[in-house]
Amino acid sequence: MNHEFPLPGLRPFERDETDIFFDREDHTEQLLEKLGYVRFLAVVGSSGCRG
């Protein structure tokens, strides 16, 4: 990870970056549940927003 730029921007997170992507378990479960009955789901928000 490049520590000069702590936020990875719009690229996908990597498995070894869990230290910068955490505390989203509830949101993730809700999204996965919804994907069980819809074909498309967009997740949008400002950088760093907490939902």
C-alpha atoms as a PDB file:
ATOM      1  CA  MET A   1       0.000   0.000   0.000  1.00  0.00           C
ATOM      2  CA  ASN A   2       1.213   3.498  -0.800  1.00  0.00           C
ATOM      3  CA  HIS A   3       1.216   5.362   2.542  1.00  0.00           C
ATOM      4  CA  GLU A   4       1.778   8.684   0.814  1.00  0.00           C
ATOM      5  CA  PHE A   5      -1.838   8.494  -0.404  1.00  0.00           C
ATOM      6  CA  PRO A   6      -3.852   6.714   2.329  1.00  0.00           C
ATOM      7  CA  LEU A   7      -7.106   6.557   0.339  1.00  0.00           C
ATOM      8  CA  PRO A   8      -7.043   4.260  -2.700  1.00  0.00           C
ATOM      9  CA  GLY A   9      -9.484   6.348  -4.711  1.00  0.00           C
ATOM     10  CA  LEU A  10     -11.822   4.531  -7.050  1.00  0.00           C
ATOM     11  CA  ARG A  11      -9.793   1.357  -7.519  1.00  0.00           C
ATOM     12  CA  PRO A  12     -10.943  -1.869  -5.837  1.00  0.00           C
ATOM     13  CA  PHE A  13      -9.690  -2.594  -2.357  1.00  0.00           C
ATOM     14  CA  GLU A  14      -7.206  -5.434  -1.967  1.00  0.00           C
ATOM     15  CA  ARG A  15      -7.397  -8.143   0.725  1.00  0.00           C
ATOM     16  CA  ASP A  16      -4.293  -6.808   2.492  1.00  0.00           C
ATOM     17  CA  GLU A  17      -5.932  -3.379   2.909  1.00  0.00           C
ATOM     18  CA  THR A  18      -8.431  -4.330   5.613  1.00  0.00           C
ATOM     19  CA  ASP A  19      -6.876  -1.694   7.869  1.00  0.00           C
ATOM     20  CA  ILE A  20      -8.392   1.049   5.672  1.00  0.00           C
ATOM     21  CA  PHE A  21     -11.723  -0.659   4.941  1.00  0.00           C
ATOM     22  CA  PHE A  22     -13.486  -1.741   8.098  1.00  0.00           C
ATOM     23  CA  ASP A  23     -16.674  -1.358  10.118  1.00  0.00           C
ATOM     24  CA  ARG A  24     -18.927  -2.045   7.116  1.00  0.00           C
ATOM     25  CA  GLU A  25     -20.131  -5.550   7.959  1.00  0.00           C
ATOM     26  CA  ASP A  26     -23.773  -4.538   8.490  1.00  0.00           C
ATOM     27  CA  HIS A  27     -23.874  -2.525   5.277  1.00  0.00           C
ATOM     28  CA  THR A  28     -22.207  -5.333   3.347  1.00  0.00           C
ATOM     29  CA  GLU A  29     -24.723  -7.888   4.603  1.00  0.00           C
ATOM     30  CA  GLN A  30     -27.618  -5.612   3.596  1.00  0.00           C
ATOM     31  CA  LEU A  31     -26.174  -5.123   0.114  1.00  0.00           C
ATOM     32  CA  LEU A  32     -25.592  -8.839  -0.390  1.00  0.00           C
ATOM     33  CA  GLU A  33     -29.135  -9.602   0.742  1.00  0.00           C
ATOM     34  CA  LYS A  34     -30.537  -7.069  -1.702  1.00  0.00           C
ATOM     35  CA  LEU A  35     -28.426  -8.528  -4.517  1.00  0.00           C
ATOM     36  CA  GLY A  36     -30.257 -11.771  -3.900  1.00  0.00           C
ATOM     37  CA  TYR A  37     -33.396 -10.304  -5.486  1.00  0.00           C
ATOM     38  CA  VAL A  38     -32.251  -7.431  -7.735  1.00  0.00           C
ATOM     39  CA  ARG A  39     -29.965  -7.582 -10.763  1.00  0.00           C
ATOM     40  CA  PHE A  40     -28.187  -4.264 -10.282  1.00  0.00           C
ATOM     41  CA  LEU A  41     -27.179  -2.346  -7.188  1.00  0.00           C
ATOM     42  CA  ALA A  42     -25.283   0.945  -7.241  1.00  0.00           C
ATOM     43  CA  VAL A  43     -23.380   2.069  -4.162  1.00  0.00           C
ATOM     44  CA  VAL A  44     -22.515   5.769  -4.250  1.00  0.00           C
ATOM     45  CA  GLY A  45     -21.293   8.293  -1.738  1.00  0.00           C
ATOM     46  CA  SER A  46     -18.658  10.845  -0.997  1.00  0.00           C
ATOM     47  CA  SER A  47     -15.194   9.617  -0.189  1.00  0.00           C
ATOM     48  CA  GLY A  48     -15.118   8.528   3.426  1.00  0.00           C
ATOM     49  CA  CYS A  49     -18.877   8.834   3.960  1.00  0.00           C
ATOM     50  CA  ARG A  50     -20.341   6.586   6.627  1.00  0.00           C
ATOM     51  CA  GLY A  51     -23.665   5.921   4.916  1.00  0.00           C
END
